[in-house]
Amino acid sequence: SMIYFGVPSYGVHVNGWVRDPRRPSSREPSAMWVATRSMSKATYPGLLDQMVAGGQPTALTFDENVRKECEEEASLPPE
């Protein structure tokens, strides 16, 4: 809602690459992890989305916020 008041807001958005399980030592990505929004969402239900996204609070650095959002939204470990 900040945009409607002319106030800039910031956030973090993360997409992820998946390694080929047949080549676990390869660092080459084999696919991209793309999320689909829940059909119960009020905005853009059922459309493709980032796997992790969230607003940027002033009390956290971008790195801290990415780690927090990854854990909250995708159950990814902080490391």
PDB file of N, CA and C in Angstrom:
ATOM      1  N   SER A   1       0.812  -1.199   0.000  1.00  0.00           N
ATOM      2  CA  SER A   1       0.000   0.000   0.000  1.00  0.00           C
ATOM      3  C   SER A   1       0.853   1.260   0.000  1.00  0.00           C
ATOM      4  N   MET A   2       2.143   1.132   0.264  1.00  0.00           N
ATOM      5  CA  MET A   2       3.024   2.301   0.321  1.00  0.00           C
ATOM      6  C   MET A   2       3.048   3.057  -1.010  1.00  0.00           C
ATOM      7  N   ILE A   3       2.969   2.339  -2.117  1.00  0.00           N
ATOM      8  CA  ILE A   3       3.055   2.977  -3.425  1.00  0.00           C
ATOM      9  C   ILE A   3       1.914   3.963  -3.651  1.00  0.00           C
ATOM     10  N   TYR A   4       0.761   3.696  -3.086  1.00  0.00           N
ATOM     11  CA  TYR A   4      -0.382   4.577  -3.268  1.00  0.00           C
ATOM     12  C   TYR A   4      -0.195   5.917  -2.561  1.00  0.00           C
ATOM     13  N   PHE A   5       0.705   5.964  -1.600  1.00  0.00           N
ATOM     14  CA  PHE A   5       1.009   7.198  -0.883  1.00  0.00           C
ATOM     15  C   PHE A   5       2.266   7.879  -1.425  1.00  0.00           C
ATOM     16  N   GLY A   6       2.864   7.319  -2.472  1.00  0.00           N
ATOM     17  CA  GLY A   6       4.055   7.901  -3.060  1.00  0.00           C
ATOM     18  C   GLY A   6       5.328   7.651  -2.270  1.00  0.00           C
ATOM     19  N   VAL A   7       5.290   6.676  -1.379  1.00  0.00           N
ATOM     20  CA  VAL A   7       6.444   6.352  -0.546  1.00  0.00           C
ATOM     21  C   VAL A   7       7.133   5.126  -1.126  1.00  0.00           C
ATOM     22  N   PRO A   8       8.424   5.224  -1.431  1.00  0.00           N
ATOM     23  CA  PRO A   8       9.107   4.037  -1.958  1.00  0.00           C
ATOM     24  C   PRO A   8       9.226   2.949  -0.897  1.00  0.00           C
ATOM     25  N   SER A   9       9.104   1.725  -1.332  1.00  0.00           N
ATOM     26  CA  SER A   9       9.317   0.593  -0.431  1.00  0.00           C
ATOM     27  C   SER A   9      10.245  -0.384  -1.138  1.00  0.00           C
ATOM     28  N   TYR A  10      10.923  -1.189  -0.361  1.00  0.00           N
ATOM     29  CA  TYR A  10      11.926  -2.111  -0.897  1.00  0.00           C
ATOM     30  C   TYR A  10      11.632  -3.514  -0.415  1.00  0.00           C
ATOM     31  N   GLY A  11      12.122  -4.477  -1.161  1.00  0.00           N
ATOM     32  CA  GLY A  11      11.915  -5.861  -0.782  1.00  0.00           C
ATOM     33  C   GLY A  11      12.990  -6.747  -1.364  1.00  0.00           C
ATOM     34  N   VAL A  12      12.922  -8.005  -1.005  1.00  0.00           N
ATOM     35  CA  VAL A  12      13.845  -9.002  -1.527  1.00  0.00           C
ATOM     36  C   VAL A  12      13.042 -10.033  -2.313  1.00  0.00           C
ATOM     37  N   HIS A  13      13.615 -10.493  -3.428  1.00  0.00           N
ATOM     38  CA  HIS A  13      12.986 -11.501  -4.274  1.00  0.00           C
ATOM     39  C   HIS A  13      14.053 -12.509  -4.646  1.00  0.00           C
ATOM     40  N   VAL A  14      13.739 -13.794  -4.518  1.00  0.00           N
ATOM     41  CA  VAL A  14      14.729 -14.852  -4.760  1.00  0.00           C
ATOM     42  C   VAL A  14      14.129 -15.921  -5.661  1.00  0.00           C
ATOM     43  N   ASN A  15      14.889 -16.300  -6.671  1.00  0.00           N
ATOM     44  CA  ASN A  15      14.594 -17.480  -7.471  1.00  0.00           C
ATOM     45  C   ASN A  15      15.760 -18.427  -7.302  1.00  0.00           C
ATOM     46  N   GLY A  16      15.560 -19.693  -7.530  1.00  0.00           N
ATOM     47  CA  GLY A  16      16.624 -20.650  -7.282  1.00  0.00           C
ATOM     48  C   GLY A  16      16.846 -21.607  -8.433  1.00  0.00           C
ATOM     49  N   TRP A  17      18.082 -22.062  -8.529  1.00  0.00           N
ATOM     50  CA  TRP A  17      18.455 -23.070  -9.502  1.00  0.00           C
ATOM     51  C   TRP A  17      18.528 -24.424  -8.820  1.00  0.00           C
ATOM     52  N   VAL A  18      18.221 -25.473  -9.569  1.00  0.00           N
ATOM     53  CA  VAL A  18      18.262 -26.842  -9.069  1.00  0.00           C
ATOM     54  C   VAL A  18      19.374 -27.582  -9.793  1.00  0.00           C
ATOM     55  N   ARG A  19      20.160 -28.312  -9.043  1.00  0.00           N
ATOM     56  CA  ARG A  19      21.210 -29.137  -9.663  1.00  0.00           C
ATOM     57  C   ARG A  19      20.624 -30.458 -10.123  1.00  0.00           C
ATOM     58  N   ASP A  20      21.227 -31.003 -11.140  1.00  0.00           N
ATOM     59  CA  ASP A  20      20.816 -32.297 -11.677  1.00  0.00           C
ATOM     60  C   ASP A  20      21.215 -33.384 -10.679  1.00  0.00           C
ATOM     61  N   PRO A  21      20.272 -34.153 -10.135  1.00  0.00           N
ATOM     62  CA  PRO A  21      20.623 -35.181  -9.153  1.00  0.00           C
ATOM     63  C   PRO A  21      21.492 -36.290  -9.719  1.00  0.00           C
ATOM     64  N   ARG A  22      21.515 -36.415 -11.038  1.00  0.00           N
ATOM     65  CA  ARG A  22      22.380 -37.431 -11.661  1.00  0.00           C
ATOM     66  C   ARG A  22      23.827 -36.966 -11.710  1.00  0.00           C
ATOM     67  N   ARG A  23      24.048 -35.643 -11.507  1.00  0.00           N
ATOM     68  CA  ARG A  23      25.397 -35.073 -11.520  1.00  0.00           C
ATOM     69  C   ARG A  23      25.575 -34.178 -10.295  1.00  0.00           C
ATOM     70  N   PRO A  24      25.569 -34.736  -9.091  1.00  0.00           N
ATOM     71  CA  PRO A  24      25.593 -33.927  -7.866  1.00  0.00           C
ATOM     72  C   PRO A  24      26.842 -33.066  -7.699  1.00  0.00           C
ATOM     73  N   SER A  25      27.942 -33.428  -8.314  1.00  0.00           N
ATOM     74  CA  SER A  25      29.156 -32.634  -8.157  1.00  0.00           C
ATOM     75  C   SER A  25      29.207 -31.455  -9.134  1.00  0.00           C
ATOM     76  N   SER A  26      28.335 -31.453 -10.138  1.00  0.00           N
ATOM     77  CA  SER A  26      28.314 -30.372 -11.119  1.00  0.00           C
ATOM     78  C   SER A  26      27.709 -29.113 -10.503  1.00  0.00           C
ATOM     79  N   ARG A  27      28.307 -27.968 -10.779  1.00  0.00           N
ATOM     80  CA  ARG A  27      27.781 -26.701 -10.306  1.00  0.00           C
ATOM     81  C   ARG A  27      26.877 -26.057 -11.359  1.00  0.00           C
ATOM     82  N   GLU A  28      26.694 -26.756 -12.477  1.00  0.00           N
ATOM     83  CA  GLU A  28      25.855 -26.239 -13.553  1.00  0.00           C
ATOM     84  C   GLU A  28      24.380 -26.478 -13.228  1.00  0.00           C
ATOM     85  N   PRO A  29      23.559 -25.427 -13.268  1.00  0.00           N
ATOM     86  CA  PRO A  29      22.137 -25.611 -12.967  1.00  0.00           C
ATOM     87  C   PRO A  29      21.439 -26.396 -14.072  1.00  0.00           C
ATOM     88  N   SER A  30      20.463 -27.206 -13.676  1.00  0.00           N
ATOM     89  CA  SER A  30      19.729 -27.974 -14.674  1.00  0.00           C
ATOM     90  C   SER A  30      18.283 -27.512 -14.804  1.00  0.00           C
ATOM     91  N   ALA A  31      17.805 -26.771 -13.825  1.00  0.00           N
ATOM     92  CA  ALA A  31      16.424 -26.289 -13.878  1.00  0.00           C
ATOM     93  C   ALA A  31      16.277 -25.100 -12.934  1.00  0.00           C
ATOM     94  N   MET A  32      15.214 -24.363 -13.116  1.00  0.00           N
ATOM     95  CA  MET A  32      14.939 -23.234 -12.241  1.00  0.00           C
ATOM     96  C   MET A  32      13.714 -23.556 -11.393  1.00  0.00           C
ATOM     97  N   TRP A  33      13.789 -23.219 -10.114  1.00  0.00           N
ATOM     98  CA  TRP A  33      12.685 -23.438  -9.193  1.00  0.00           C
ATOM     99  C   TRP A  33      11.746 -22.243  -9.320  1.00  0.00           C
ATOM    100  N   VAL A  34      10.549 -22.481  -9.846  1.00  0.00           N
ATOM    101  CA  VAL A  34       9.555 -21.433 -10.020  1.00  0.00           C
ATOM    102  C   VAL A  34       8.324 -21.801  -9.199  1.00  0.00           C
ATOM    103  N   ALA A  35       7.882 -20.871  -8.396  1.00  0.00           N
ATOM    104  CA  ALA A  35       6.717 -21.108  -7.543  1.00  0.00           C
ATOM    105  C   ALA A  35       5.432 -20.711  -8.275  1.00  0.00           C
ATOM    106  N   THR A  36       4.340 -21.284  -7.846  1.00  0.00           N
ATOM    107  CA  THR A  36       3.019 -20.902  -8.330  1.00  0.00           C
ATOM    108  C   THR A  36       2.233 -20.353  -7.148  1.00  0.00           C
ATOM    109  N   ARG A  37       1.633 -19.190  -7.333  1.00  0.00           N
ATOM    110  CA  ARG A  37       0.867 -18.572  -6.249  1.00  0.00           C
ATOM    111  C   ARG A  37      -0.377 -19.397  -5.938  1.00  0.00           C
ATOM    112  N   SER A  38      -0.736 -19.404  -4.693  1.00  0.00           N
ATOM    113  CA  SER A  38      -1.931 -20.110  -4.249  1.00  0.00           C
ATOM    114  C   SER A  38      -3.169 -19.517  -4.919  1.00  0.00           C
ATOM    115  N   MET A  39      -4.139 -20.359  -5.206  1.00  0.00           N
ATOM    116  CA  MET A  39      -5.388 -19.887  -5.793  1.00  0.00           C
ATOM    117  C   MET A  39      -6.196 -19.042  -4.803  1.00  0.00           C
ATOM    118  N   SER A  40      -5.847 -19.134  -3.523  1.00  0.00           N
ATOM    119  CA  SER A  40      -6.583 -18.357  -2.518  1.00  0.00           C
ATOM    120  C   SER A  40      -6.002 -16.953  -2.305  1.00  0.00           C
ATOM    121  N   LYS A  41      -4.921 -16.609  -3.019  1.00  0.00           N
ATOM    122  CA  LYS A  41      -4.334 -15.279  -2.892  1.00  0.00           C
ATOM    123  C   LYS A  41      -5.267 -14.232  -3.485  1.00  0.00           C
ATOM    124  N   ALA A  42      -5.327 -13.073  -2.828  1.00  0.00           N
ATOM    125  CA  ALA A  42      -6.184 -11.988  -3.315  1.00  0.00           C
ATOM    126  C   ALA A  42      -5.640 -11.364  -4.596  1.00  0.00           C
ATOM    127  N   THR A  43      -4.315 -11.379  -4.754  1.00  0.00           N
ATOM    128  CA  THR A  43      -3.711 -10.788  -5.948  1.00  0.00           C
ATOM    129  C   THR A  43      -2.981 -11.854  -6.762  1.00  0.00           C
ATOM    130  N   TYR A  44      -3.228 -11.866  -8.019  1.00  0.00           N
ATOM    131  CA  TYR A  44      -2.566 -12.759  -8.981  1.00  0.00           C
ATOM    132  C   TYR A  44      -2.616 -14.238  -8.601  1.00  0.00           C
ATOM    133  N   PRO A  45      -3.782 -14.770  -8.215  1.00  0.00           N
ATOM    134  CA  PRO A  45      -3.857 -16.188  -7.838  1.00  0.00           C
ATOM    135  C   PRO A  45      -3.503 -17.101  -9.015  1.00  0.00           C
ATOM    136  N   GLY A  46      -2.745 -18.170  -8.696  1.00  0.00           N
ATOM    137  CA  GLY A  46      -2.406 -19.184  -9.679  1.00  0.00           C
ATOM    138  C   GLY A  46      -1.303 -18.813 -10.654  1.00  0.00           C
ATOM    139  N   LEU A  47      -0.762 -17.598 -10.554  1.00  0.00           N
ATOM    140  CA  LEU A  47       0.296 -17.200 -11.486  1.00  0.00           C
ATOM    141  C   LEU A  47       1.674 -17.567 -10.947  1.00  0.00           C
ATOM    142  N   LEU A  48       2.662 -17.544 -11.832  1.00  0.00           N
ATOM    143  CA  LEU A  48       4.036 -17.849 -11.425  1.00  0.00           C
ATOM    144  C   LEU A  48       4.575 -16.741 -10.529  1.00  0.00           C
ATOM    145  N   ASP A  49       5.499 -17.113  -9.646  1.00  0.00           N
ATOM    146  CA  ASP A  49       5.989 -16.172  -8.647  1.00  0.00           C
ATOM    147  C   ASP A  49       7.413 -16.550  -8.250  1.00  0.00           C
ATOM    148  N   GLN A  50       8.080 -15.670  -7.516  1.00  0.00           N
ATOM    149  CA  GLN A  50       9.379 -16.004  -6.957  1.00  0.00           C
ATOM    150  C   GLN A  50       9.187 -17.068  -5.878  1.00  0.00           C
ATOM    151  N   MET A  51      10.251 -17.831  -5.616  1.00  0.00           N
ATOM    152  CA  MET A  51      10.132 -18.838  -4.557  1.00  0.00           C
ATOM    153  C   MET A  51      10.181 -18.188  -3.185  1.00  0.00           C
ATOM    154  N   VAL A  52      10.786 -17.009  -3.079  1.00  0.00           N
ATOM    155  CA  VAL A  52      10.859 -16.274  -1.815  1.00  0.00           C
ATOM    156  C   VAL A  52      10.754 -14.785  -2.131  1.00  0.00           C
ATOM    157  N   ALA A  53       9.958 -14.082  -1.365  1.00  0.00           N
ATOM    158  CA  ALA A  53       9.875 -12.626  -1.512  1.00  0.00           C
ATOM    159  C   ALA A  53       9.342 -12.040  -0.219  1.00  0.00           C
ATOM    160  N   GLY A  54       9.750 -10.835   0.066  1.00  0.00           N
ATOM    161  CA  GLY A  54       9.248 -10.170   1.260  1.00  0.00           C
ATOM    162  C   GLY A  54       9.698  -8.726   1.324  1.00  0.00           C
ATOM    163  N   GLY A  55       8.970  -7.931   2.062  1.00  0.00           N
ATOM    164  CA  GLY A  55       9.316  -6.535   2.250  1.00  0.00           C
ATOM    165  C   GLY A  55      10.604  -6.388   3.045  1.00  0.00           C
ATOM    166  N   GLN A  56      11.283  -5.277   2.843  1.00  0.00           N
ATOM    167  CA  GLN A  56      12.553  -5.023   3.510  1.00  0.00           C
ATOM    168  C   GLN A  56      12.343  -4.145   4.740  1.00  0.00           C
ATOM    169  N   PRO A  57      12.445  -4.728   5.947  1.00  0.00           N
ATOM    170  CA  PRO A  57      12.332  -3.908   7.153  1.00  0.00           C
ATOM    171  C   PRO A  57      13.601  -3.081   7.378  1.00  0.00           C
ATOM    172  N   THR A  58      13.464  -1.974   8.053  1.00  0.00           N
ATOM    173  CA  THR A  58      14.613  -1.099   8.283  1.00  0.00           C
ATOM    174  C   THR A  58      15.605  -1.702   9.267  1.00  0.00           C
ATOM    175  N   ALA A  59      15.162  -2.604  10.112  1.00  0.00           N
ATOM    176  CA  ALA A  59      16.032  -3.157  11.161  1.00  0.00           C
ATOM    177  C   ALA A  59      16.962  -4.264  10.668  1.00  0.00           C
ATOM    178  N   LEU A  60      16.775  -4.746   9.427  1.00  0.00           N
ATOM    179  CA  LEU A  60      17.594  -5.845   8.904  1.00  0.00           C
ATOM    180  C   LEU A  60      18.363  -5.404   7.668  1.00  0.00           C
ATOM    181  N   THR A  61      19.555  -5.986   7.477  1.00  0.00           N
ATOM    182  CA  THR A  61      20.271  -5.780   6.227  1.00  0.00           C
ATOM    183  C   THR A  61      19.590  -6.634   5.158  1.00  0.00           C
ATOM    184  N   PHE A  62      19.900  -6.368   3.884  1.00  0.00           N
ATOM    185  CA  PHE A  62      19.317  -7.189   2.823  1.00  0.00           C
ATOM    186  C   PHE A  62      19.716  -8.651   2.992  1.00  0.00           C
ATOM    187  N   ASP A  63      20.969  -8.909   3.343  1.00  0.00           N
ATOM    188  CA  ASP A  63      21.438 -10.285   3.545  1.00  0.00           C
ATOM    189  C   ASP A  63      20.663 -10.972   4.668  1.00  0.00           C
ATOM    190  N   GLU A  64      20.497 -10.281   5.780  1.00  0.00           N
ATOM    191  CA  GLU A  64      19.744 -10.862   6.911  1.00  0.00           C
ATOM    192  C   GLU A  64      18.302 -11.134   6.509  1.00  0.00           C
ATOM    193  N   ASN A  65      17.713 -10.219   5.762  1.00  0.00           N
ATOM    194  CA  ASN A  65      16.319 -10.382   5.361  1.00  0.00           C
ATOM    195  C   ASN A  65      16.144 -11.529   4.372  1.00  0.00           C
ATOM    196  N   VAL A  66      17.077 -11.671   3.420  1.00  0.00           N
ATOM    197  CA  VAL A  66      17.002 -12.790   2.473  1.00  0.00           C
ATOM    198  C   VAL A  66      17.052 -14.110   3.229  1.00  0.00           C
ATOM    199  N   ARG A  67      17.963 -14.221   4.176  1.00  0.00           N
ATOM    200  CA  ARG A  67      18.080 -15.458   4.965  1.00  0.00           C
ATOM    201  C   ARG A  67      16.797 -15.729   5.754  1.00  0.00           C
ATOM    202  N   LYS A  68      16.242 -14.686   6.363  1.00  0.00           N
ATOM    203  CA  LYS A  68      15.001 -14.833   7.143  1.00  0.00           C
ATOM    204  C   LYS A  68      13.844 -15.265   6.246  1.00  0.00           C
ATOM    205  N   GLU A  69      13.690 -14.593   5.116  1.00  0.00           N
ATOM    206  CA  GLU A  69      12.585 -14.913   4.207  1.00  0.00           C
ATOM    207  C   GLU A  69      12.731 -16.308   3.610  1.00  0.00           C
ATOM    208  N   CYS A  70      13.968 -16.718   3.278  1.00  0.00           N
ATOM    209  CA  CYS A  70      14.188 -18.064   2.737  1.00  0.00           C
ATOM    210  C   CYS A  70      13.763 -19.135   3.740  1.00  0.00           C
ATOM    211  N   GLU A  71      14.082 -18.901   5.001  1.00  0.00           N
ATOM    212  CA  GLU A  71      13.708 -19.865   6.033  1.00  0.00           C
ATOM    213  C   GLU A  71      12.193 -19.866   6.235  1.00  0.00           C
ATOM    214  N   GLU A  72      11.577 -18.690   6.296  1.00  0.00           N
ATOM    215  CA  GLU A  72      10.139 -18.596   6.537  1.00  0.00           C
ATOM    216  C   GLU A  72       9.301 -19.127   5.381  1.00  0.00           C
ATOM    217  N   GLU A  73       9.655 -18.762   4.173  1.00  0.00           N
ATOM    218  CA  GLU A  73       8.791 -19.050   3.038  1.00  0.00           C
ATOM    219  C   GLU A  73       9.108 -20.337   2.291  1.00  0.00           C
ATOM    220  N   ALA A  74      10.358 -20.783   2.354  1.00  0.00           N
ATOM    221  CA  ALA A  74      10.733 -21.961   1.578  1.00  0.00           C
ATOM    222  C   ALA A  74      11.425 -23.033   2.408  1.00  0.00           C
ATOM    223  N   SER A  75      11.502 -22.832   3.717  1.00  0.00           N
ATOM    224  CA  SER A  75      12.166 -23.780   4.623  1.00  0.00           C
ATOM    225  C   SER A  75      13.609 -24.064   4.199  1.00  0.00           C
ATOM    226  N   LEU A  76      14.265 -23.050   3.640  1.00  0.00           N
ATOM    227  CA  LEU A  76      15.669 -23.191   3.275  1.00  0.00           C
ATOM    228  C   LEU A  76      16.545 -22.805   4.453  1.00  0.00           C
ATOM    229  N   PRO A  77      17.592 -23.560   4.720  1.00  0.00           N
ATOM    230  CA  PRO A  77      18.474 -23.224   5.845  1.00  0.00           C
ATOM    231  C   PRO A  77      19.205 -21.915   5.588  1.00  0.00           C
ATOM    232  N   PRO A  78      19.542 -21.168   6.649  1.00  0.00           N
ATOM    233  CA  PRO A  78      20.174 -19.855   6.488  1.00  0.00           C
ATOM    234  C   PRO A  78      21.517 -19.867   5.774  1.00  0.00           C
ATOM    235  N   GLU A  79      22.236 -20.972   5.790  1.00  0.00           N
ATOM    236  CA  GLU A  79      23.530 -20.988   5.109  1.00  0.00           C
ATOM    237  C   GLU A  79      23.274 -21.224   3.664  1.00  0.00           C
TER     238      GLU A  79
END
